[in-house]
């Protein structure tokens, strides 16, 4: 189980690849079965979401983050790296409209001013070895890996 919310968001995006939006909870249930977030089945988190359908991947991740927040508030889930999920949602919102594949420079333009735990997106993207990305999931994966490397070198504090 990845420990950062951004990795969880990447895994959700990988599992829903190929689904046309809007998508219903029932369509998502099959794709998210056998996937857990801090020991809680993703389908349980999906059940907690207030909406029955989702217009976009960003809306889906936002609603899942809100469902996790409610579970945390009720003590059914330990406080987690939900900020990572919210950060992934923000990335998806900002890149909306970009046609994939996209270059690192196009991503830098769209994400200007965004930071992860005080580290600018430009610094994180400089850590990414790829110069282009074929999908939003690939972009989020590469960002998560860059963050992991920065944490390992002590240049960034690990997410709680």
N, C-alpha and C. Protein backbone atom coordinates (compact mmCIF):
# COMPACT_ATOMS: atom_id res chain seq x y z
N UNK A 1 0.84 -1.19 0.00
CA UNK A 1 0.00 0.00 0.00
C UNK A 1 0.88 1.23 0.00
N UNK A 2 0.78 2.09 -1.03
CA UNK A 2 1.56 3.31 -1.03
C UNK A 2 1.18 4.18 0.16
N UNK A 3 2.14 4.92 0.69
CA UNK A 3 1.87 5.70 1.88
C UNK A 3 1.44 7.12 1.56
N UNK A 4 1.63 7.56 0.36
CA UNK A 4 1.26 8.94 0.02
C UNK A 4 -0.03 8.95 -0.79
N UNK A 5 -0.87 9.93 -0.50
CA UNK A 5 -2.13 10.06 -1.20
C UNK A 5 -1.97 10.19 -2.70
N UNK A 6 -0.91 10.84 -3.14
CA UNK A 6 -0.73 11.01 -4.58
C UNK A 6 -0.54 9.66 -5.25
N UNK A 7 0.15 8.72 -4.59
CA UNK A 7 0.30 7.39 -5.15
C UNK A 7 -1.04 6.67 -5.22
N UNK A 8 -1.87 6.87 -4.20
CA UNK A 8 -3.19 6.26 -4.20
C UNK A 8 -4.00 6.80 -5.37
N UNK A 9 -3.92 8.09 -5.60
CA UNK A 9 -4.64 8.70 -6.72
C UNK A 9 -4.15 8.13 -8.04
N UNK A 10 -2.84 7.93 -8.17
CA UNK A 10 -2.28 7.34 -9.39
C UNK A 10 -2.86 5.94 -9.60
N UNK A 11 -2.93 5.17 -8.53
CA UNK A 11 -3.47 3.81 -8.63
C UNK A 11 -4.93 3.82 -9.06
N UNK A 12 -5.72 4.74 -8.52
CA UNK A 12 -7.12 4.87 -8.94
C UNK A 12 -7.18 5.18 -10.43
N UNK A 13 -6.36 6.14 -10.87
CA UNK A 13 -6.37 6.50 -12.29
C UNK A 13 -5.96 5.33 -13.18
N UNK A 14 -4.99 4.55 -12.75
CA UNK A 14 -4.58 3.38 -13.53
C UNK A 14 -5.73 2.38 -13.64
N UNK A 15 -6.43 2.18 -12.55
CA UNK A 15 -7.50 1.18 -12.53
C UNK A 15 -8.72 1.61 -13.34
N UNK A 16 -8.92 2.91 -13.51
CA UNK A 16 -10.09 3.37 -14.28
C UNK A 16 -9.75 3.70 -15.73
N UNK A 17 -8.49 3.50 -16.10
CA UNK A 17 -8.07 3.79 -17.48
C UNK A 17 -9.03 3.11 -18.45
N UNK A 18 -9.47 3.87 -19.45
CA UNK A 18 -10.34 3.33 -20.48
C UNK A 18 -11.82 3.52 -20.20
N UNK A 19 -12.18 3.88 -18.97
CA UNK A 19 -13.59 4.14 -18.68
C UNK A 19 -13.98 5.48 -19.27
N UNK A 20 -15.14 5.54 -19.88
CA UNK A 20 -15.65 6.81 -20.38
C UNK A 20 -16.37 7.55 -19.27
N UNK A 21 -16.17 8.84 -19.20
CA UNK A 21 -16.86 9.66 -18.20
C UNK A 21 -18.01 10.37 -18.87
N UNK A 22 -19.14 10.57 -18.17
CA UNK A 22 -19.34 10.30 -16.76
C UNK A 22 -19.35 8.79 -16.48
N UNK A 23 -19.04 8.45 -15.20
CA UNK A 23 -18.98 7.07 -14.77
C UNK A 23 -19.77 6.93 -13.46
N UNK A 24 -20.42 5.79 -13.28
CA UNK A 24 -21.23 5.57 -12.08
C UNK A 24 -20.43 4.81 -11.03
N UNK A 25 -20.94 4.84 -9.81
CA UNK A 25 -20.32 4.08 -8.72
C UNK A 25 -20.25 2.60 -9.08
N UNK A 26 -21.30 2.09 -9.69
CA UNK A 26 -21.32 0.67 -10.03
C UNK A 26 -20.23 0.32 -11.04
N UNK A 27 -20.00 1.18 -12.01
CA UNK A 27 -18.92 0.95 -12.98
C UNK A 27 -17.56 0.97 -12.27
N UNK A 28 -17.41 1.85 -11.31
CA UNK A 28 -16.15 1.98 -10.58
C UNK A 28 -15.92 0.82 -9.62
N UNK A 29 -16.98 0.29 -9.06
CA UNK A 29 -16.87 -0.77 -8.07
C UNK A 29 -16.04 -1.94 -8.60
N UNK A 30 -16.28 -2.36 -9.82
CA UNK A 30 -15.55 -3.49 -10.41
C UNK A 30 -14.07 -3.14 -10.57
N UNK A 31 -13.77 -1.93 -11.00
CA UNK A 31 -12.38 -1.53 -11.22
C UNK A 31 -11.60 -1.36 -9.92
N UNK A 32 -12.29 -1.02 -8.85
CA UNK A 32 -11.61 -0.72 -7.59
C UNK A 32 -11.65 -1.87 -6.58
N UNK A 33 -12.27 -2.99 -6.97
CA UNK A 33 -12.30 -4.12 -6.04
C UNK A 33 -10.86 -4.60 -5.81
N UNK A 34 -10.62 -5.18 -4.68
CA UNK A 34 -9.29 -5.69 -4.30
C UNK A 34 -8.25 -4.58 -4.17
N UNK A 35 -8.68 -3.35 -3.97
CA UNK A 35 -7.78 -2.22 -3.77
C UNK A 35 -8.12 -1.59 -2.43
N UNK A 36 -7.10 -1.29 -1.63
CA UNK A 36 -7.32 -0.81 -0.26
C UNK A 36 -6.57 0.48 -0.02
N UNK A 37 -7.13 1.29 0.87
CA UNK A 37 -6.52 2.52 1.34
C UNK A 37 -6.42 2.41 2.85
N UNK A 38 -5.21 2.25 3.37
CA UNK A 38 -4.98 2.11 4.81
C UNK A 38 -5.89 1.04 5.41
N UNK A 39 -6.00 -0.09 4.71
CA UNK A 39 -6.77 -1.21 5.21
C UNK A 39 -8.26 -1.16 4.93
N UNK A 40 -8.74 -0.09 4.36
CA UNK A 40 -10.16 0.06 4.05
C UNK A 40 -10.35 -0.23 2.55
N UNK A 41 -11.29 -1.11 2.20
CA UNK A 41 -11.52 -1.36 0.77
C UNK A 41 -11.92 -0.06 0.05
N UNK A 42 -11.37 0.14 -1.13
CA UNK A 42 -11.72 1.33 -1.91
C UNK A 42 -13.22 1.36 -2.20
N UNK A 43 -13.84 0.20 -2.29
CA UNK A 43 -15.29 0.17 -2.53
C UNK A 43 -16.04 0.75 -1.33
N UNK A 44 -15.51 0.58 -0.11
CA UNK A 44 -16.13 1.18 1.08
C UNK A 44 -16.03 2.70 1.01
N UNK A 45 -14.89 3.18 0.57
CA UNK A 45 -14.70 4.63 0.41
C UNK A 45 -15.65 5.15 -0.67
N UNK A 46 -15.77 4.40 -1.75
CA UNK A 46 -16.68 4.77 -2.83
C UNK A 46 -18.12 4.85 -2.30
N UNK A 47 -18.51 3.90 -1.45
CA UNK A 47 -19.86 3.92 -0.86
C UNK A 47 -20.09 5.19 -0.06
N UNK A 48 -19.03 5.71 0.54
CA UNK A 48 -19.12 6.91 1.37
C UNK A 48 -19.28 8.19 0.52
N UNK A 49 -18.89 8.11 -0.76
CA UNK A 49 -19.03 9.28 -1.65
C UNK A 49 -20.50 9.64 -1.80
N UNK A 50 -20.78 10.93 -1.78
CA UNK A 50 -22.17 11.39 -1.83
C UNK A 50 -22.77 11.31 -3.22
N UNK A 51 -21.96 11.40 -4.24
CA UNK A 51 -22.47 11.38 -5.61
C UNK A 51 -22.60 9.94 -6.10
N UNK A 52 -23.52 9.74 -7.04
CA UNK A 52 -23.71 8.42 -7.64
C UNK A 52 -22.97 8.29 -8.97
N UNK A 53 -22.60 9.44 -9.55
CA UNK A 53 -21.82 9.43 -10.79
C UNK A 53 -20.84 10.59 -10.75
N UNK A 54 -19.81 10.47 -11.60
CA UNK A 54 -18.71 11.42 -11.60
C UNK A 54 -18.43 11.85 -13.03
N UNK A 55 -18.29 13.16 -13.23
CA UNK A 55 -18.14 13.71 -14.57
C UNK A 55 -16.72 13.62 -15.12
N UNK A 56 -15.72 13.51 -14.21
CA UNK A 56 -14.33 13.52 -14.65
C UNK A 56 -13.47 12.81 -13.62
N UNK A 57 -12.24 12.42 -14.01
CA UNK A 57 -11.32 11.85 -13.03
C UNK A 57 -11.05 12.79 -11.86
N UNK A 58 -10.92 14.09 -12.14
CA UNK A 58 -10.67 15.05 -11.06
C UNK A 58 -11.84 15.08 -10.08
N UNK A 59 -13.07 15.05 -10.59
CA UNK A 59 -14.22 15.03 -9.70
C UNK A 59 -14.25 13.74 -8.88
N UNK A 60 -13.93 12.62 -9.48
CA UNK A 60 -13.88 11.35 -8.77
C UNK A 60 -12.87 11.41 -7.62
N UNK A 61 -11.64 11.86 -7.91
CA UNK A 61 -10.62 11.93 -6.86
C UNK A 61 -11.03 12.90 -5.75
N UNK A 62 -11.65 14.00 -6.13
CA UNK A 62 -12.11 14.96 -5.13
C UNK A 62 -13.15 14.32 -4.21
N UNK A 63 -14.11 13.63 -4.81
CA UNK A 63 -15.17 13.00 -4.01
C UNK A 63 -14.61 11.88 -3.12
N UNK A 64 -13.62 11.13 -3.62
CA UNK A 64 -13.00 10.10 -2.80
C UNK A 64 -12.24 10.74 -1.63
N UNK A 65 -11.55 11.86 -1.88
CA UNK A 65 -10.84 12.56 -0.81
C UNK A 65 -11.82 13.05 0.26
N UNK A 66 -12.98 13.55 -0.17
CA UNK A 66 -14.00 14.00 0.77
C UNK A 66 -14.57 12.82 1.56
N UNK A 67 -14.76 11.69 0.90
CA UNK A 67 -15.25 10.49 1.59
C UNK A 67 -14.24 10.04 2.64
N UNK A 68 -12.96 10.08 2.31
CA UNK A 68 -11.91 9.71 3.26
C UNK A 68 -11.93 10.68 4.45
N UNK A 69 -12.11 11.97 4.17
CA UNK A 69 -12.17 12.96 5.25
C UNK A 69 -13.31 12.63 6.21
N UNK A 70 -14.48 12.27 5.68
CA UNK A 70 -15.61 11.94 6.54
C UNK A 70 -15.32 10.69 7.38
N UNK A 71 -14.69 9.69 6.76
CA UNK A 71 -14.33 8.47 7.50
C UNK A 71 -13.32 8.79 8.61
N UNK A 72 -12.38 9.69 8.31
CA UNK A 72 -11.39 10.11 9.32
C UNK A 72 -12.09 10.82 10.48
N UNK A 73 -13.01 11.73 10.15
CA UNK A 73 -13.70 12.49 11.18
C UNK A 73 -14.50 11.59 12.11
N UNK A 74 -15.04 10.49 11.58
CA UNK A 74 -15.80 9.55 12.40
C UNK A 74 -14.90 8.53 13.10
N UNK A 75 -13.60 8.61 12.86
CA UNK A 75 -12.68 7.69 13.49
C UNK A 75 -12.64 6.31 12.85
N UNK A 76 -13.23 6.17 11.67
CA UNK A 76 -13.24 4.88 10.98
C UNK A 76 -11.98 4.66 10.15
N UNK A 77 -11.18 5.68 10.03
CA UNK A 77 -9.95 5.63 9.24
C UNK A 77 -8.95 6.56 9.92
N UNK A 78 -7.69 6.14 10.08
CA UNK A 78 -6.71 7.05 10.69
C UNK A 78 -6.46 8.25 9.79
N UNK A 79 -6.11 9.37 10.39
CA UNK A 79 -5.78 10.56 9.60
C UNK A 79 -4.60 10.20 8.69
N UNK A 80 -4.72 10.52 7.42
CA UNK A 80 -3.78 10.02 6.42
C UNK A 80 -3.19 11.13 5.58
N UNK A 81 -2.63 10.74 4.46
CA UNK A 81 -2.03 11.68 3.51
C UNK A 81 -3.08 12.15 2.51
N UNK A 82 -4.28 12.43 2.98
CA UNK A 82 -5.35 12.89 2.09
C UNK A 82 -4.91 14.13 1.30
N UNK A 83 -4.01 14.91 1.89
CA UNK A 83 -3.51 16.10 1.17
C UNK A 83 -2.92 15.70 -0.18
N UNK A 84 -2.31 14.53 -0.23
CA UNK A 84 -1.75 14.07 -1.49
C UNK A 84 -2.81 13.84 -2.54
N UNK A 85 -3.95 13.29 -2.12
CA UNK A 85 -5.05 13.10 -3.05
C UNK A 85 -5.54 14.46 -3.52
N UNK A 86 -5.72 15.39 -2.57
CA UNK A 86 -6.18 16.73 -2.94
C UNK A 86 -5.18 17.41 -3.88
N UNK A 87 -3.89 17.18 -3.67
CA UNK A 87 -2.87 17.76 -4.54
C UNK A 87 -2.99 17.16 -5.94
N UNK A 88 -3.23 15.86 -6.02
CA UNK A 88 -3.41 15.20 -7.32
C UNK A 88 -4.63 15.78 -8.03
N UNK A 89 -5.70 16.03 -7.28
CA UNK A 89 -6.89 16.65 -7.87
C UNK A 89 -6.54 18.01 -8.44
N UNK A 90 -5.77 18.79 -7.69
CA UNK A 90 -5.37 20.12 -8.16
C UNK A 90 -4.54 20.02 -9.44
N UNK A 91 -3.63 19.06 -9.50
CA UNK A 91 -2.85 18.85 -10.72
C UNK A 91 -3.79 18.55 -11.88
N UNK A 92 -4.73 17.63 -11.69
CA UNK A 92 -5.66 17.26 -12.76
C UNK A 92 -6.50 18.45 -13.21
N UNK A 93 -6.94 19.26 -12.26
CA UNK A 93 -7.74 20.44 -12.62
C UNK A 93 -6.91 21.39 -13.48
N UNK A 94 -5.67 21.62 -13.09
CA UNK A 94 -4.84 22.59 -13.80
C UNK A 94 -4.42 22.12 -15.19
N UNK A 95 -4.31 20.80 -15.40
CA UNK A 95 -3.90 20.31 -16.72
C UNK A 95 -5.09 20.02 -17.63
N UNK A 96 -6.29 20.24 -17.11
CA UNK A 96 -7.49 20.01 -17.93
C UNK A 96 -7.36 20.79 -19.24
N UNK A 97 -7.67 20.11 -20.31
CA UNK A 97 -7.60 20.74 -21.62
C UNK A 97 -6.30 20.49 -22.37
N UNK A 98 -5.27 20.03 -21.66
CA UNK A 98 -4.03 19.69 -22.35
C UNK A 98 -4.23 18.39 -23.11
N UNK A 99 -3.79 18.36 -24.33
CA UNK A 99 -3.84 17.12 -25.09
C UNK A 99 -2.61 16.29 -24.82
N UNK A 100 -2.81 15.04 -24.49
CA UNK A 100 -1.67 14.15 -24.22
C UNK A 100 -1.29 13.43 -25.49
N UNK A 101 0.00 13.21 -25.70
CA UNK A 101 1.11 13.47 -24.79
C UNK A 101 1.41 14.96 -24.64
N UNK A 102 2.00 15.31 -23.48
CA UNK A 102 2.40 16.68 -23.18
C UNK A 102 3.86 16.70 -22.79
N UNK A 103 4.48 17.84 -22.99
CA UNK A 103 5.89 17.99 -22.61
C UNK A 103 5.99 18.48 -21.17
N UNK A 104 7.15 18.29 -20.60
CA UNK A 104 7.42 18.77 -19.25
C UNK A 104 7.23 20.29 -19.18
N UNK A 105 7.64 21.00 -20.23
CA UNK A 105 7.49 22.45 -20.24
C UNK A 105 6.03 22.88 -20.25
N UNK A 106 5.17 22.15 -21.00
CA UNK A 106 3.74 22.46 -20.99
C UNK A 106 3.16 22.25 -19.59
N UNK A 107 3.59 21.19 -18.94
CA UNK A 107 3.12 20.91 -17.58
C UNK A 107 3.58 22.00 -16.63
N UNK A 108 4.84 22.42 -16.74
CA UNK A 108 5.35 23.48 -15.87
C UNK A 108 4.51 24.75 -16.01
N UNK A 109 4.14 25.09 -17.24
CA UNK A 109 3.31 26.28 -17.46
C UNK A 109 1.98 26.16 -16.76
N UNK A 110 1.32 25.02 -16.91
CA UNK A 110 -0.01 24.82 -16.33
C UNK A 110 0.03 24.73 -14.81
N UNK A 111 1.13 24.24 -14.26
CA UNK A 111 1.20 24.02 -12.81
C UNK A 111 1.99 25.10 -12.08
N UNK A 112 2.35 26.16 -12.77
CA UNK A 112 3.12 27.24 -12.14
C UNK A 112 2.44 27.70 -10.85
N UNK A 113 3.24 27.86 -9.80
CA UNK A 113 2.74 28.33 -8.52
C UNK A 113 2.29 27.22 -7.58
N UNK A 114 2.19 25.99 -8.07
CA UNK A 114 1.77 24.86 -7.23
C UNK A 114 2.99 24.33 -6.48
N UNK A 115 2.77 23.89 -5.24
CA UNK A 115 3.86 23.35 -4.42
C UNK A 115 3.38 22.11 -3.69
N UNK A 116 4.31 21.22 -3.34
CA UNK A 116 4.04 20.05 -2.51
C UNK A 116 4.88 20.21 -1.25
N UNK A 117 4.23 20.42 -0.11
CA UNK A 117 4.90 20.60 1.17
C UNK A 117 5.99 21.67 1.08
N UNK A 118 5.68 22.76 0.40
CA UNK A 118 6.59 23.89 0.32
C UNK A 118 7.61 23.82 -0.80
N UNK A 119 7.66 22.72 -1.55
CA UNK A 119 8.61 22.59 -2.66
C UNK A 119 7.87 22.88 -3.96
N UNK A 120 8.40 23.79 -4.76
CA UNK A 120 7.72 24.20 -5.98
C UNK A 120 7.60 23.06 -6.98
N UNK A 121 6.56 23.12 -7.77
CA UNK A 121 6.35 22.11 -8.80
C UNK A 121 7.50 22.12 -9.80
N UNK A 122 8.07 23.28 -10.04
CA UNK A 122 9.21 23.35 -10.96
C UNK A 122 10.36 22.49 -10.44
N UNK A 123 10.63 22.58 -9.13
CA UNK A 123 11.70 21.77 -8.53
C UNK A 123 11.39 20.28 -8.64
N UNK A 124 10.14 19.93 -8.38
CA UNK A 124 9.73 18.52 -8.48
C UNK A 124 9.84 18.04 -9.92
N UNK A 125 9.38 18.84 -10.86
CA UNK A 125 9.46 18.45 -12.28
C UNK A 125 10.91 18.35 -12.75
N UNK A 126 11.79 19.17 -12.20
CA UNK A 126 13.21 19.07 -12.56
C UNK A 126 13.79 17.71 -12.15
N UNK A 127 13.19 17.10 -11.14
CA UNK A 127 13.62 15.79 -10.66
C UNK A 127 13.13 14.65 -11.59
N UNK A 128 12.11 14.94 -12.39
CA UNK A 128 11.55 13.94 -13.31
C UNK A 128 12.46 13.79 -14.51
N UNK A 129 12.81 12.55 -14.83
CA UNK A 129 13.72 12.29 -15.95
C UNK A 129 13.03 12.38 -17.31
N UNK A 130 11.76 12.05 -17.37
CA UNK A 130 11.04 12.08 -18.64
C UNK A 130 10.81 13.51 -19.11
N UNK A 131 10.79 13.68 -20.41
CA UNK A 131 10.53 15.00 -20.99
C UNK A 131 9.10 15.14 -21.50
N UNK A 132 8.36 14.00 -21.55
CA UNK A 132 6.96 14.06 -21.95
C UNK A 132 6.18 12.97 -21.23
N UNK A 133 4.87 13.14 -21.22
CA UNK A 133 3.98 12.23 -20.49
C UNK A 133 2.82 11.84 -21.41
N UNK A 134 2.51 10.55 -21.41
CA UNK A 134 1.48 10.04 -22.30
C UNK A 134 0.07 10.11 -21.75
N UNK A 135 -0.06 10.31 -20.43
CA UNK A 135 -1.39 10.34 -19.82
C UNK A 135 -1.32 11.07 -18.48
N UNK A 136 -2.47 11.50 -17.96
CA UNK A 136 -2.47 12.10 -16.62
C UNK A 136 -1.94 11.15 -15.56
N UNK A 137 -2.28 9.87 -15.65
CA UNK A 137 -1.80 8.89 -14.67
C UNK A 137 -0.28 8.80 -14.71
N UNK A 138 0.30 8.81 -15.92
CA UNK A 138 1.76 8.75 -16.03
C UNK A 138 2.39 10.00 -15.41
N UNK A 139 1.80 11.16 -15.64
CA UNK A 139 2.30 12.40 -15.05
C UNK A 139 2.27 12.32 -13.52
N UNK A 140 1.13 11.91 -12.95
CA UNK A 140 1.04 11.81 -11.50
C UNK A 140 2.03 10.77 -10.95
N UNK A 141 2.19 9.67 -11.65
CA UNK A 141 3.16 8.66 -11.22
C UNK A 141 4.57 9.24 -11.18
N UNK A 142 4.96 9.93 -12.23
CA UNK A 142 6.30 10.52 -12.29
C UNK A 142 6.49 11.58 -11.21
N UNK A 143 5.46 12.36 -10.93
CA UNK A 143 5.54 13.35 -9.85
C UNK A 143 5.72 12.65 -8.50
N UNK A 144 4.96 11.58 -8.28
CA UNK A 144 5.07 10.83 -7.02
C UNK A 144 6.46 10.24 -6.86
N UNK A 145 7.02 9.71 -7.94
CA UNK A 145 8.37 9.15 -7.87
C UNK A 145 9.41 10.24 -7.61
N UNK A 146 9.24 11.41 -8.22
CA UNK A 146 10.16 12.52 -7.98
C UNK A 146 10.09 12.96 -6.52
N UNK A 147 8.88 13.03 -5.98
CA UNK A 147 8.70 13.39 -4.57
C UNK A 147 9.39 12.35 -3.68
N UNK A 148 9.23 11.08 -3.99
CA UNK A 148 9.86 10.01 -3.21
C UNK A 148 11.38 10.17 -3.21
N UNK A 149 11.96 10.47 -4.38
CA UNK A 149 13.42 10.65 -4.46
C UNK A 149 13.87 11.85 -3.63
N UNK A 150 13.12 12.94 -3.70
CA UNK A 150 13.45 14.13 -2.91
C UNK A 150 13.37 13.82 -1.42
N UNK A 151 12.37 13.03 -1.02
CA UNK A 151 12.26 12.64 0.39
C UNK A 151 13.44 11.77 0.81
N UNK A 152 13.80 10.81 -0.03
CA UNK A 152 14.91 9.91 0.29
C UNK A 152 16.22 10.66 0.48
N UNK A 153 16.42 11.74 -0.27
CA UNK A 153 17.63 12.54 -0.15
C UNK A 153 17.52 13.58 0.97
N UNK A 154 16.36 13.64 1.63
CA UNK A 154 16.18 14.59 2.72
C UNK A 154 15.91 16.00 2.26
N UNK A 155 15.58 16.18 0.99
CA UNK A 155 15.29 17.52 0.46
C UNK A 155 13.83 17.90 0.63
N UNK A 156 13.03 16.93 1.12
CA UNK A 156 11.60 17.14 1.30
C UNK A 156 11.17 16.23 2.44
N UNK A 157 10.34 16.76 3.34
CA UNK A 157 9.86 15.94 4.45
C UNK A 157 8.77 15.01 3.95
N UNK A 158 8.81 13.73 4.35
CA UNK A 158 7.77 12.78 3.94
C UNK A 158 6.40 13.26 4.37
N UNK A 159 5.39 12.94 3.54
CA UNK A 159 4.01 13.26 3.88
C UNK A 159 3.59 12.42 5.09
N UNK A 160 2.76 13.02 5.92
CA UNK A 160 2.30 12.30 7.12
C UNK A 160 1.45 11.11 6.74
